[in-house]
């Protein structure tokens, strides 16, 4: 993992985590691939299997990550 990129991704996840926790879930970083620009995350708690998980992933998590790390191409579930 690229440490600067990973640090920015973690910062973005910390930014959205309180909103996810309000719904009984959590998000954790699994992997950052600086070569492909793909970030893999895991959703925990109420977010696992939730019908809104993809909306949370794309509309909240991915948007926050890309704002802090524009070189990220996509955020996907691990």
PDB file of N, CA and C in Angstrom:
ATOM      1  N   UNK A   1       0.839  -1.181   0.000  1.00  0.00           N
ATOM      2  CA  UNK A   1       0.000   0.000   0.000  1.00  0.00           C
ATOM      3  C   UNK A   1       0.882   1.242   0.000  1.00  0.00           C
ATOM      4  N   UNK A   2       0.497   2.206  -0.783  1.00  0.00           N
ATOM      5  CA  UNK A   2       1.148   3.504  -0.789  1.00  0.00           C
ATOM      6  C   UNK A   2       0.723   4.224   0.491  1.00  0.00           C
ATOM      7  N   UNK A   3       1.688   4.592   1.351  1.00  0.00           N
ATOM      8  CA  UNK A   3       1.327   5.113   2.668  1.00  0.00           C
ATOM      9  C   UNK A   3       0.602   6.461   2.600  1.00  0.00           C
ATOM     10  N   UNK A   4       1.002   7.359   1.691  1.00  0.00           N
ATOM     11  CA  UNK A   4       0.312   8.646   1.575  1.00  0.00           C
ATOM     12  C   UNK A   4      -1.113   8.441   1.070  1.00  0.00           C
ATOM     13  N   UNK A   5      -1.265   7.637   0.049  1.00  0.00           N
ATOM     14  CA  UNK A   5      -2.596   7.360  -0.497  1.00  0.00           C
ATOM     15  C   UNK A   5      -3.455   6.669   0.560  1.00  0.00           C
ATOM     16  N   UNK A   6      -2.906   5.692   1.229  1.00  0.00           N
ATOM     17  CA  UNK A   6      -3.649   4.979   2.277  1.00  0.00           C
ATOM     18  C   UNK A   6      -4.086   5.928   3.382  1.00  0.00           C
ATOM     19  N   UNK A   7      -3.201   6.838   3.765  1.00  0.00           N
ATOM     20  CA  UNK A   7      -3.530   7.797   4.822  1.00  0.00           C
ATOM     21  C   UNK A   7      -4.687   8.701   4.395  1.00  0.00           C
ATOM     22  N   UNK A   8      -4.691   9.131   3.136  1.00  0.00           N
ATOM     23  CA  UNK A   8      -5.782   9.978   2.650  1.00  0.00           C
ATOM     24  C   UNK A   8      -7.093   9.196   2.568  1.00  0.00           C
ATOM     25  N   UNK A   9      -7.010   7.945   2.157  1.00  0.00           N
ATOM     26  CA  UNK A   9      -8.217   7.104   2.096  1.00  0.00           C
ATOM     27  C   UNK A   9      -8.764   6.892   3.505  1.00  0.00           C
ATOM     28  N   UNK A  10      -7.880   6.589   4.453  1.00  0.00           N
ATOM     29  CA  UNK A  10      -8.319   6.396   5.837  1.00  0.00           C
ATOM     30  C   UNK A  10      -8.949   7.670   6.397  1.00  0.00           C
ATOM     31  N   UNK A  11      -8.388   8.813   6.054  1.00  0.00           N
ATOM     32  CA  UNK A  11      -8.947  10.082   6.496  1.00  0.00           C
ATOM     33  C   UNK A  11     -10.362  10.274   5.951  1.00  0.00           C
ATOM     34  N   UNK A  12     -10.563   9.915   4.693  1.00  0.00           N
ATOM     35  CA  UNK A  12     -11.892  10.009   4.083  1.00  0.00           C
ATOM     36  C   UNK A  12     -12.877   9.058   4.763  1.00  0.00           C
ATOM     37  N   UNK A  13     -12.421   7.852   5.073  1.00  0.00           N
ATOM     38  CA  UNK A  13     -13.298   6.895   5.751  1.00  0.00           C
ATOM     39  C   UNK A  13     -13.668   7.400   7.143  1.00  0.00           C
ATOM     40  N   UNK A  14     -12.691   8.017   7.831  1.00  0.00           N
ATOM     41  CA  UNK A  14     -12.973   8.589   9.151  1.00  0.00           C
ATOM     42  C   UNK A  14     -14.016   9.702   9.051  1.00  0.00           C
ATOM     43  N   UNK A  15     -14.022  10.398   7.941  1.00  0.00           N
ATOM     44  CA  UNK A  15     -14.961  11.504   7.714  1.00  0.00           C
ATOM     45  C   UNK A  15     -16.397  10.988   7.557  1.00  0.00           C
ATOM     46  N   UNK A  16     -16.581   9.863   6.889  1.00  0.00           N
ATOM     47  CA  UNK A  16     -17.940   9.334   6.664  1.00  0.00           C
ATOM     48  C   UNK A  16     -18.380   8.328   7.716  1.00  0.00           C
ATOM     49  N   UNK A  17     -17.445   7.808   8.486  1.00  0.00           N
ATOM     50  CA  UNK A  17     -17.762   6.759   9.470  1.00  0.00           C
ATOM     51  C   UNK A  17     -18.877   7.165  10.442  1.00  0.00           C
ATOM     52  N   UNK A  18     -18.894   8.390  10.991  1.00  0.00           N
ATOM     53  CA  UNK A  18     -19.975   8.736  11.938  1.00  0.00           C
ATOM     54  C   UNK A  18     -21.373   8.601  11.333  1.00  0.00           C
ATOM     55  N   UNK A  19     -21.519   8.908  10.052  1.00  0.00           N
ATOM     56  CA  UNK A  19     -22.821   8.786   9.392  1.00  0.00           C
ATOM     57  C   UNK A  19     -23.216   7.325   9.229  1.00  0.00           C
ATOM     58  N   UNK A  20     -22.240   6.504   8.927  1.00  0.00           N
ATOM     59  CA  UNK A  20     -22.500   5.071   8.772  1.00  0.00           C
ATOM     60  C   UNK A  20     -22.833   4.451  10.129  1.00  0.00           C
ATOM     61  N   UNK A  21     -22.117   4.891  11.170  1.00  0.00           N
ATOM     62  CA  UNK A  21     -22.363   4.373  12.521  1.00  0.00           C
ATOM     63  C   UNK A  21     -23.754   4.751  13.022  1.00  0.00           C
ATOM     64  N   UNK A  22     -24.277   5.899  12.588  1.00  0.00           N
ATOM     65  CA  UNK A  22     -25.635   6.305  13.000  1.00  0.00           C
ATOM     66  C   UNK A  22     -26.685   5.304  12.523  1.00  0.00           C
ATOM     67  N   UNK A  23     -26.383   4.586  11.451  1.00  0.00           N
ATOM     68  CA  UNK A  23     -27.300   3.562  10.933  1.00  0.00           C
ATOM     69  C   UNK A  23     -26.933   2.166  11.417  1.00  0.00           C
ATOM     70  N   UNK A  24     -26.023   2.078  12.388  1.00  0.00           N
ATOM     71  CA  UNK A  24     -25.666   0.788  12.964  1.00  0.00           C
ATOM     72  C   UNK A  24     -24.617   0.018  12.188  1.00  0.00           C
ATOM     73  N   UNK A  25     -23.886   0.699  11.311  1.00  0.00           N
ATOM     74  CA  UNK A  25     -22.863   0.022  10.520  1.00  0.00           C
ATOM     75  C   UNK A  25     -21.482   0.578  10.768  1.00  0.00           C
ATOM     76  N   UNK A  26     -20.550   0.119   9.970  1.00  0.00           N
ATOM     77  CA  UNK A  26     -19.178   0.607  10.018  1.00  0.00           C
ATOM     78  C   UNK A  26     -18.509   0.259   8.695  1.00  0.00           C
ATOM     79  N   UNK A  27     -17.382   0.898   8.435  1.00  0.00           N
ATOM     80  CA  UNK A  27     -16.619   0.642   7.220  1.00  0.00           C
ATOM     81  C   UNK A  27     -15.161   0.492   7.617  1.00  0.00           C
ATOM     82  N   UNK A  28     -14.478  -0.452   6.973  1.00  0.00           N
ATOM     83  CA  UNK A  28     -13.045  -0.616   7.227  1.00  0.00           C
ATOM     84  C   UNK A  28     -12.317  -0.772   5.898  1.00  0.00           C
ATOM     85  N   UNK A  29     -11.098  -0.301   5.890  1.00  0.00           N
ATOM     86  CA  UNK A  29     -10.251  -0.389   4.709  1.00  0.00           C
ATOM     87  C   UNK A  29      -9.657  -1.778   4.615  1.00  0.00           C
ATOM     88  N   UNK A  30      -9.766  -2.386   3.449  1.00  0.00           N
ATOM     89  CA  UNK A  30      -9.184  -3.709   3.214  1.00  0.00           C
ATOM     90  C   UNK A  30      -7.889  -3.575   2.429  1.00  0.00           C
ATOM     91  N   UNK A  31      -7.917  -2.772   1.349  1.00  0.00           N
ATOM     92  CA  UNK A  31      -6.746  -2.673   0.478  1.00  0.00           C
ATOM     93  C   UNK A  31      -6.817  -1.413  -0.366  1.00  0.00           C
ATOM     94  N   UNK A  32      -5.636  -0.847  -0.630  1.00  0.00           N
ATOM     95  CA  UNK A  32      -5.507   0.265  -1.571  1.00  0.00           C
ATOM     96  C   UNK A  32      -4.492  -0.162  -2.618  1.00  0.00           C
ATOM     97  N   UNK A  33      -4.899  -0.197  -3.874  1.00  0.00           N
ATOM     98  CA  UNK A  33      -3.983  -0.541  -4.952  1.00  0.00           C
ATOM     99  C   UNK A  33      -3.672   0.737  -5.719  1.00  0.00           C
ATOM    100  N   UNK A  34      -2.502   1.306  -5.448  1.00  0.00           N
ATOM    101  CA  UNK A  34      -2.111   2.570  -6.071  1.00  0.00           C
ATOM    102  C   UNK A  34      -1.929   2.424  -7.578  1.00  0.00           C
ATOM    103  N   UNK A  35      -1.589   1.238  -8.040  1.00  0.00           N
ATOM    104  CA  UNK A  35      -1.371   1.003  -9.468  1.00  0.00           C
ATOM    105  C   UNK A  35      -2.674   1.065 -10.258  1.00  0.00           C
ATOM    106  N   UNK A  36      -3.709   0.413  -9.731  1.00  0.00           N
ATOM    107  CA  UNK A  36      -4.994   0.377 -10.438  1.00  0.00           C
ATOM    108  C   UNK A  36      -5.943   1.484 -10.008  1.00  0.00           C
ATOM    109  N   UNK A  37      -5.672   2.090  -8.844  1.00  0.00           N
ATOM    110  CA  UNK A  37      -6.569   3.108  -8.317  1.00  0.00           C
ATOM    111  C   UNK A  37      -7.820   2.534  -7.688  1.00  0.00           C
ATOM    112  N   UNK A  38      -7.776   1.260  -7.316  1.00  0.00           N
ATOM    113  CA  UNK A  38      -8.932   0.592  -6.721  1.00  0.00           C
ATOM    114  C   UNK A  38      -8.747   0.494  -5.204  1.00  0.00           C
ATOM    115  N   UNK A  39      -9.770   0.909  -4.481  1.00  0.00           N
ATOM    116  CA  UNK A  39      -9.793   0.804  -3.020  1.00  0.00           C
ATOM    117  C   UNK A  39     -10.853  -0.226  -2.670  1.00  0.00           C
ATOM    118  N   UNK A  40     -10.479  -1.174  -1.818  1.00  0.00           N
ATOM    119  CA  UNK A  40     -11.440  -2.188  -1.361  1.00  0.00           C
ATOM    120  C   UNK A  40     -11.770  -1.915   0.098  1.00  0.00           C
ATOM    121  N   UNK A  41     -13.059  -1.894   0.401  1.00  0.00           N
ATOM    122  CA  UNK A  41     -13.513  -1.677   1.768  1.00  0.00           C
ATOM    123  C   UNK A  41     -14.472  -2.789   2.164  1.00  0.00           C
ATOM    124  N   UNK A  42     -14.675  -2.900   3.453  1.00  0.00           N
ATOM    125  CA  UNK A  42     -15.616  -3.866   3.995  1.00  0.00           C
ATOM    126  C   UNK A  42     -16.656  -3.112   4.810  1.00  0.00           C
ATOM    127  N   UNK A  43     -17.914  -3.430   4.595  1.00  0.00           N
ATOM    128  CA  UNK A  43     -18.995  -2.850   5.387  1.00  0.00           C
ATOM    129  C   UNK A  43     -19.358  -3.828   6.490  1.00  0.00           C
ATOM    130  N   UNK A  44     -19.577  -3.303   7.671  1.00  0.00           N
ATOM    131  CA  UNK A  44     -19.856  -4.135   8.844  1.00  0.00           C
ATOM    132  C   UNK A  44     -21.216  -3.784   9.429  1.00  0.00           C
ATOM    133  N   UNK A  45     -21.652  -4.606  10.362  1.00  0.00           N
ATOM    134  CA  UNK A  45     -22.877  -4.340  11.107  1.00  0.00           C
ATOM    135  C   UNK A  45     -24.102  -4.309  10.224  1.00  0.00           C
ATOM    136  N   UNK A  46     -24.956  -3.320  10.467  1.00  0.00           N
ATOM    137  CA  UNK A  46     -26.230  -3.208   9.743  1.00  0.00           C
ATOM    138  C   UNK A  46     -26.029  -2.960   8.254  1.00  0.00           C
ATOM    139  N   UNK A  47     -24.836  -2.521   7.862  1.00  0.00           N
ATOM    140  CA  UNK A  47     -24.572  -2.240   6.444  1.00  0.00           C
ATOM    141  C   UNK A  47     -24.386  -3.518   5.616  1.00  0.00           C
ATOM    142  N   UNK A  48     -24.030  -4.614   6.276  1.00  0.00           N
ATOM    143  CA  UNK A  48     -23.857  -5.870   5.547  1.00  0.00           C
ATOM    144  C   UNK A  48     -25.214  -6.343   5.055  1.00  0.00           C
ATOM    145  N   UNK A  49     -25.337  -6.492   3.764  1.00  0.00           N
ATOM    146  CA  UNK A  49     -26.568  -7.000   3.191  1.00  0.00           C
ATOM    147  C   UNK A  49     -27.705  -5.991   3.113  1.00  0.00           C
ATOM    148  N   UNK A  50     -27.456  -4.768   3.517  1.00  0.00           N
ATOM    149  CA  UNK A  50     -28.483  -3.730   3.461  1.00  0.00           C
ATOM    150  C   UNK A  50     -28.771  -3.370   2.007  1.00  0.00           C
ATOM    151  N   UNK A  51     -30.038  -3.190   1.647  1.00  0.00           N
ATOM    152  CA  UNK A  51     -30.365  -2.813   0.272  1.00  0.00           C
ATOM    153  C   UNK A  51     -29.739  -1.479  -0.154  1.00  0.00           C
ATOM    154  N   UNK A  52     -29.435  -0.620   0.809  1.00  0.00           N
ATOM    155  CA  UNK A  52     -28.844   0.683   0.497  1.00  0.00           C
ATOM    156  C   UNK A  52     -27.318   0.664   0.510  1.00  0.00           C
ATOM    157  N   UNK A  53     -26.714  -0.497   0.679  1.00  0.00           N
ATOM    158  CA  UNK A  53     -25.259  -0.578   0.799  1.00  0.00           C
ATOM    159  C   UNK A  53     -24.548  -0.022  -0.432  1.00  0.00           C
ATOM    160  N   UNK A  54     -25.040  -0.322  -1.627  1.00  0.00           N
ATOM    161  CA  UNK A  54     -24.395   0.191  -2.840  1.00  0.00           C
ATOM    162  C   UNK A  54     -24.523   1.707  -2.932  1.00  0.00           C
ATOM    163  N   UNK A  55     -25.663   2.247  -2.528  1.00  0.00           N
ATOM    164  CA  UNK A  55     -25.843   3.694  -2.534  1.00  0.00           C
ATOM    165  C   UNK A  55     -24.899   4.349  -1.530  1.00  0.00           C
ATOM    166  N   UNK A  56     -24.745   3.736  -0.376  1.00  0.00           N
ATOM    167  CA  UNK A  56     -23.811   4.241   0.632  1.00  0.00           C
ATOM    168  C   UNK A  56     -22.390   4.178   0.102  1.00  0.00           C
ATOM    169  N   UNK A  57     -22.068   3.078  -0.547  1.00  0.00           N
ATOM    170  CA  UNK A  57     -20.720   2.885  -1.068  1.00  0.00           C
ATOM    171  C   UNK A  57     -20.400   3.931  -2.128  1.00  0.00           C
ATOM    172  N   UNK A  58     -21.261   4.082  -3.115  1.00  0.00           N
ATOM    173  CA  UNK A  58     -20.984   4.980  -4.240  1.00  0.00           C
ATOM    174  C   UNK A  58     -21.255   6.441  -3.904  1.00  0.00           C
ATOM    175  N   UNK A  59     -22.377   6.706  -3.246  1.00  0.00           N
ATOM    176  CA  UNK A  59     -22.768   8.085  -2.986  1.00  0.00           C
ATOM    177  C   UNK A  59     -22.075   8.732  -1.811  1.00  0.00           C
ATOM    178  N   UNK A  60     -21.674   7.933  -0.848  1.00  0.00           N
ATOM    179  CA  UNK A  60     -21.039   8.491   0.343  1.00  0.00           C
ATOM    180  C   UNK A  60     -19.562   8.182   0.433  1.00  0.00           C
ATOM    181  N   UNK A  61     -19.252   6.901   0.506  1.00  0.00           N
ATOM    182  CA  UNK A  61     -17.868   6.489   0.730  1.00  0.00           C
ATOM    183  C   UNK A  61     -16.978   6.835  -0.462  1.00  0.00           C
ATOM    184  N   UNK A  62     -17.381   6.428  -1.663  1.00  0.00           N
ATOM    185  CA  UNK A  62     -16.539   6.684  -2.832  1.00  0.00           C
ATOM    186  C   UNK A  62     -16.361   8.183  -3.077  1.00  0.00           C
ATOM    187  N   UNK A  63     -17.416   8.945  -2.902  1.00  0.00           N
ATOM    188  CA  UNK A  63     -17.326  10.396  -3.107  1.00  0.00           C
ATOM    189  C   UNK A  63     -16.331  11.023  -2.121  1.00  0.00           C
ATOM    190  N   UNK A  64     -16.394  10.607  -0.859  1.00  0.00           N
ATOM    191  CA  UNK A  64     -15.473  11.139   0.149  1.00  0.00           C
ATOM    192  C   UNK A  64     -14.034  10.746  -0.156  1.00  0.00           C
ATOM    193  N   UNK A  65     -13.825   9.488  -0.560  1.00  0.00           N
ATOM    194  CA  UNK A  65     -12.473   9.016  -0.878  1.00  0.00           C
ATOM    195  C   UNK A  65     -11.907   9.783  -2.061  1.00  0.00           C
ATOM    196  N   UNK A  66     -12.695   9.937  -3.110  1.00  0.00           N
ATOM    197  CA  UNK A  66     -12.207  10.638  -4.307  1.00  0.00           C
ATOM    198  C   UNK A  66     -11.939  12.116  -4.040  1.00  0.00           C
ATOM    199  N   UNK A  67     -12.632  12.703  -3.079  1.00  0.00           N
ATOM    200  CA  UNK A  67     -12.382  14.117  -2.767  1.00  0.00           C
ATOM    201  C   UNK A  67     -11.014  14.296  -2.112  1.00  0.00           C
ATOM    202  N   UNK A  68     -10.576  13.300  -1.348  1.00  0.00           N
ATOM    203  CA  UNK A  68      -9.273  13.377  -0.696  1.00  0.00           C
ATOM    204  C   UNK A  68      -8.174  12.702  -1.509  1.00  0.00           C
ATOM    205  N   UNK A  69      -8.556  11.801  -2.403  1.00  0.00           N
ATOM    206  CA  UNK A  69      -7.587  11.049  -3.211  1.00  0.00           C
ATOM    207  C   UNK A  69      -8.130  10.932  -4.635  1.00  0.00           C
ATOM    208  N   UNK A  70      -8.022  12.013  -5.417  1.00  0.00           N
ATOM    209  CA  UNK A  70      -8.619  12.014  -6.758  1.00  0.00           C
ATOM    210  C   UNK A  70      -8.055  10.964  -7.711  1.00  0.00           C
ATOM    211  N   UNK A  71      -6.901  10.397  -7.387  1.00  0.00           N
ATOM    212  CA  UNK A  71      -6.346   9.358  -8.242  1.00  0.00           C
ATOM    213  C   UNK A  71      -7.052   8.008  -8.089  1.00  0.00           C
ATOM    214  N   UNK A  72      -7.919   7.895  -7.083  1.00  0.00           N
ATOM    215  CA  UNK A  72      -8.695   6.669  -6.901  1.00  0.00           C
ATOM    216  C   UNK A  72      -9.749   6.588  -7.998  1.00  0.00           C
ATOM    217  N   UNK A  73      -9.796   5.458  -8.661  1.00  0.00           N
ATOM    218  CA  UNK A  73     -10.741   5.235  -9.771  1.00  0.00           C
ATOM    219  C   UNK A  73     -12.083   4.712  -9.262  1.00  0.00           C
ATOM    220  N   UNK A  74     -12.031   3.833  -8.256  1.00  0.00           N
ATOM    221  CA  UNK A  74     -13.261   3.225  -7.736  1.00  0.00           C
ATOM    222  C   UNK A  74     -13.049   2.692  -6.338  1.00  0.00           C
ATOM    223  N   UNK A  75     -14.153   2.645  -5.597  1.00  0.00           N
ATOM    224  CA  UNK A  75     -14.174   2.004  -4.288  1.00  0.00           C
ATOM    225  C   UNK A  75     -15.140   0.836  -4.419  1.00  0.00           C
ATOM    226  N   UNK A  76     -14.668  -0.350  -4.070  1.00  0.00           N
ATOM    227  CA  UNK A  76     -15.485  -1.558  -4.216  1.00  0.00           C
ATOM    228  C   UNK A  76     -15.548  -2.309  -2.895  1.00  0.00           C
ATOM    229  N   UNK A  77     -16.545  -3.173  -2.781  1.00  0.00           N
ATOM    230  CA  UNK A  77     -16.659  -4.022  -1.590  1.00  0.00           C
ATOM    231  C   UNK A  77     -15.709  -5.201  -1.707  1.00  0.00           C
ATOM    232  N   UNK A  78     -15.080  -5.514  -0.619  1.00  0.00           N
ATOM    233  CA  UNK A  78     -14.143  -6.646  -0.568  1.00  0.00           C
ATOM    234  C   UNK A  78     -14.889  -7.943  -0.397  1.00  0.00           C
TER     235      UNK A  78
END
